Amino acid sequence: MNVRYRVELSQAERDELTAMLGGGKHAARKLERAQILLAPDGGRCDAEIVRTVRVSLSTAGRTKRRFVEGNLERALSEEPRPGAERRLTGKEEALLVATACTKRPTAANAGR
């Protein structure tokens, strides 16, 4: 699958990505994706993106594909990951942690 996706950013999208990279708190993966999207806008090829941003070719391609097929928000955000459903609710998990972290009753206190 050697499909190349052409990223063409609007000025507003370019400004948003530049501001994101300029400061503030953002997840590292989100910043990587912002760099991936800004790089081809500057005329860089995929090999240069992989080398400068230090991501795999598939990560660069996937990010560009999600931008072209969706929008900027889709390209920057995490996709749901596959896996089993959670077995415990938040309350059940809190109860389990609290139970595990309490001291075990002694023989003297067990009958009371």
C-alpha atoms as a PDB file:
ATOM      1  CA  MET A   1       0.000   0.000   0.000  1.00  0.00           C
ATOM      2  CA  ASN A   2       2.032   2.886  -1.309  1.00  0.00           C
ATOM      3  CA  VAL A   3      -0.651   5.587  -1.274  1.00  0.00           C
ATOM      4  CA  ARG A   4       0.581   9.130  -0.784  1.00  0.00           C
ATOM      5  CA  TYR A   5      -1.736  11.623   0.854  1.00  0.00           C
ATOM      6  CA  ARG A   6      -1.262  15.283   0.004  1.00  0.00           C
ATOM      7  CA  VAL A   7      -1.712  17.569   3.001  1.00  0.00           C
ATOM      8  CA  GLU A   8      -2.894  21.061   2.131  1.00  0.00           C
ATOM      9  CA  LEU A   9      -3.452  23.195   5.224  1.00  0.00           C
ATOM     10  CA  SER A  10      -5.554  26.321   5.343  1.00  0.00           C
ATOM     11  CA  GLN A  11      -4.015  29.388   6.949  1.00  0.00           C
ATOM     12  CA  ALA A  12      -6.220  28.885  10.040  1.00  0.00           C
ATOM     13  CA  GLU A  13      -5.083  25.251  10.397  1.00  0.00           C
ATOM     14  CA  ARG A  14      -1.453  26.265   9.930  1.00  0.00           C
ATOM     15  CA  ASP A  15      -1.810  28.959  12.605  1.00  0.00           C
ATOM     16  CA  GLU A  16      -3.481  26.505  15.017  1.00  0.00           C
ATOM     17  CA  LEU A  17      -0.717  23.916  14.594  1.00  0.00           C
ATOM     18  CA  THR A  18       2.027  26.516  14.923  1.00  0.00           C
ATOM     19  CA  ALA A  19       0.447  27.891  18.099  1.00  0.00           C
ATOM     20  CA  MET A  20       0.155  24.360  19.501  1.00  0.00           C
ATOM     21  CA  LEU A  21       3.852  23.726  18.903  1.00  0.00           C
ATOM     22  CA  GLY A  22       4.752  27.158  20.282  1.00  0.00           C
ATOM     23  CA  GLY A  23       3.651  26.506  23.835  1.00  0.00           C
ATOM     24  CA  GLY A  24       1.076  25.207  26.231  1.00  0.00           C
ATOM     25  CA  LYS A  25       0.445  21.708  27.472  1.00  0.00           C
ATOM     26  CA  HIS A  26      -0.367  19.055  24.912  1.00  0.00           C
ATOM     27  CA  ALA A  27       0.203  15.321  24.715  1.00  0.00           C
ATOM     28  CA  ALA A  28       3.464  14.300  23.054  1.00  0.00           C
ATOM     29  CA  ARG A  29       1.648  12.267  20.405  1.00  0.00           C
ATOM     30  CA  LYS A  30      -0.529  15.236  19.527  1.00  0.00           C
ATOM     31  CA  LEU A  31       2.557  17.409  19.081  1.00  0.00           C
ATOM     32  CA  GLU A  32       4.152  14.736  16.878  1.00  0.00           C
ATOM     33  CA  ARG A  33       1.061  14.683  14.691  1.00  0.00           C
ATOM     34  CA  ALA A  34       1.127  18.480  14.445  1.00  0.00           C
ATOM     35  CA  GLN A  35       4.754  18.319  13.279  1.00  0.00           C
ATOM     36  CA  ILE A  36       3.842  15.616  10.741  1.00  0.00           C
ATOM     37  CA  LEU A  37       1.076  17.787   9.296  1.00  0.00           C
ATOM     38  CA  LEU A  38       3.200  20.944   9.147  1.00  0.00           C
ATOM     39  CA  ALA A  39       6.200  19.243   7.501  1.00  0.00           C
ATOM     40  CA  PRO A  40       4.704  18.517   4.047  1.00  0.00           C
ATOM     41  CA  ASP A  41       3.266  22.021   4.042  1.00  0.00           C
ATOM     42  CA  GLY A  42       6.885  23.172   4.097  1.00  0.00           C
ATOM     43  CA  GLY A  43       7.714  20.957   1.111  1.00  0.00           C
ATOM     44  CA  ARG A  44       9.236  18.009   2.962  1.00  0.00           C
ATOM     45  CA  CYS A  45       8.905  14.469   1.611  1.00  0.00           C
ATOM     46  CA  ASP A  46       7.896  11.473   3.729  1.00  0.00           C
ATOM     47  CA  ALA A  47      11.496  10.331   4.238  1.00  0.00           C
ATOM     48  CA  GLU A  48      12.421  13.741   5.664  1.00  0.00           C
ATOM     49  CA  ILE A  49       9.358  13.736   7.928  1.00  0.00           C
ATOM     50  CA  VAL A  50      10.297  10.311   9.297  1.00  0.00           C
ATOM     51  CA  ARG A  51      13.860  11.448   9.960  1.00  0.00           C
ATOM     52  CA  THR A  52      13.136  14.879  11.467  1.00  0.00           C
ATOM     53  CA  VAL A  53      10.024  14.059  13.526  1.00  0.00           C
ATOM     54  CA  ARG A  54      11.422  10.614  14.452  1.00  0.00           C
ATOM     55  CA  VAL A  55       8.310   8.587  13.690  1.00  0.00           C
ATOM     56  CA  SER A  56       7.741   5.545  11.530  1.00  0.00           C
ATOM     57  CA  LEU A  57       6.652   5.840   7.923  1.00  0.00           C
ATOM     58  CA  SER A  58       3.324   4.212   8.810  1.00  0.00           C
ATOM     59  CA  THR A  59       2.676   6.790  11.567  1.00  0.00           C
ATOM     60  CA  ALA A  60       3.335   9.653   9.156  1.00  0.00           C
ATOM     61  CA  GLY A  61       1.135   8.085   6.494  1.00  0.00           C
ATOM     62  CA  ARG A  62      -1.667   7.300   8.926  1.00  0.00           C
ATOM     63  CA  THR A  63      -1.687  10.858  10.290  1.00  0.00           C
ATOM     64  CA  LYS A  64      -1.757  12.357   6.807  1.00  0.00           C
ATOM     65  CA  ARG A  65      -4.515   9.932   5.735  1.00  0.00           C
ATOM     66  CA  ARG A  66      -6.673  10.846   8.740  1.00  0.00           C
ATOM     67  CA  PHE A  67      -6.281  14.539   7.894  1.00  0.00           C
ATOM     68  CA  VAL A  68      -7.143  14.100   4.206  1.00  0.00           C
ATOM     69  CA  GLU A  69     -10.088  11.764   4.853  1.00  0.00           C
ATOM     70  CA  GLY A  70     -11.353  13.614   7.908  1.00  0.00           C
ATOM     71  CA  ASN A  71     -10.217  16.926   9.346  1.00  0.00           C
ATOM     72  CA  LEU A  72      -7.572  18.466  11.562  1.00  0.00           C
ATOM     73  CA  GLU A  73      -9.183  17.340  14.821  1.00  0.00           C
ATOM     74  CA  ARG A  74      -9.410  13.732  13.615  1.00  0.00           C
ATOM     75  CA  ALA A  75      -5.760  13.767  12.550  1.00  0.00           C
ATOM     76  CA  LEU A  76      -4.591  15.087  15.939  1.00  0.00           C
ATOM     77  CA  SER A  77      -6.746  12.946  18.235  1.00  0.00           C
ATOM     78  CA  GLU A  78      -6.372   9.361  19.391  1.00  0.00           C
ATOM     79  CA  GLU A  79      -8.418   6.642  17.754  1.00  0.00           C
ATOM     80  CA  PRO A  80     -10.213   4.197  20.031  1.00  0.00           C
ATOM     81  CA  ARG A  81      -8.028   1.205  20.740  1.00  0.00           C
ATOM     82  CA  PRO A  82      -9.260  -2.349  20.452  1.00  0.00           C
ATOM     83  CA  GLY A  83      -9.446  -4.480  23.543  1.00  0.00           C
ATOM     84  CA  ALA A  84     -11.688  -6.142  26.046  1.00  0.00           C
ATOM     85  CA  GLU A  85     -14.391  -4.221  27.849  1.00  0.00           C
ATOM     86  CA  ARG A  86     -13.642  -3.114  31.401  1.00  0.00           C
ATOM     87  CA  ARG A  87     -14.748  -5.699  33.944  1.00  0.00           C
ATOM     88  CA  LEU A  88     -15.157  -3.305  36.856  1.00  0.00           C
ATOM     89  CA  THR A  89     -16.922   0.029  37.108  1.00  0.00           C
ATOM     90  CA  GLY A  90     -15.156   2.967  38.725  1.00  0.00           C
ATOM     91  CA  LYS A  91     -16.892   2.336  42.073  1.00  0.00           C
ATOM     92  CA  GLU A  92     -16.053  -1.365  42.012  1.00  0.00           C
ATOM     93  CA  GLU A  93     -12.424  -0.609  41.221  1.00  0.00           C
ATOM     94  CA  ALA A  94     -12.233   1.935  44.077  1.00  0.00           C
ATOM     95  CA  LEU A  95     -13.722  -0.616  46.497  1.00  0.00           C
ATOM     96  CA  LEU A  96     -11.226  -3.259  45.363  1.00  0.00           C
ATOM     97  CA  VAL A  97      -8.276  -0.862  45.839  1.00  0.00           C
ATOM     98  CA  ALA A  98      -9.557   0.250  49.262  1.00  0.00           C
ATOM     99  CA  THR A  99     -10.030  -3.355  50.356  1.00  0.00           C
ATOM    100  CA  ALA A 100      -6.592  -4.371  49.127  1.00  0.00           C
ATOM    101  CA  CYS A 101      -4.907  -1.427  50.865  1.00  0.00           C
ATOM    102  CA  THR A 102      -6.487  -1.867  54.310  1.00  0.00           C
ATOM    103  CA  LYS A 103      -4.862  -3.886  57.062  1.00  0.00           C
ATOM    104  CA  ARG A 104      -5.993  -7.409  57.570  1.00  0.00           C
ATOM    105  CA  PRO A 105      -8.019  -7.929  60.758  1.00  0.00           C
ATOM    106  CA  THR A 106      -6.168  -9.645  63.603  1.00  0.00           C
ATOM    107  CA  ALA A 107      -7.541 -12.637  65.511  1.00  0.00           C
ATOM    108  CA  ALA A 108      -8.312 -10.391  68.510  1.00  0.00           C
ATOM    109  CA  ASN A 109     -10.479  -8.076  66.392  1.00  0.00           C
ATOM    110  CA  ALA A 110     -12.114 -10.767  64.282  1.00  0.00           C
ATOM    111  CA  GLY A 111     -14.771 -11.709  66.851  1.00  0.00           C
ATOM    112  CA  ARG A 112     -15.961  -8.172  67.530  1.00  0.00           C
END
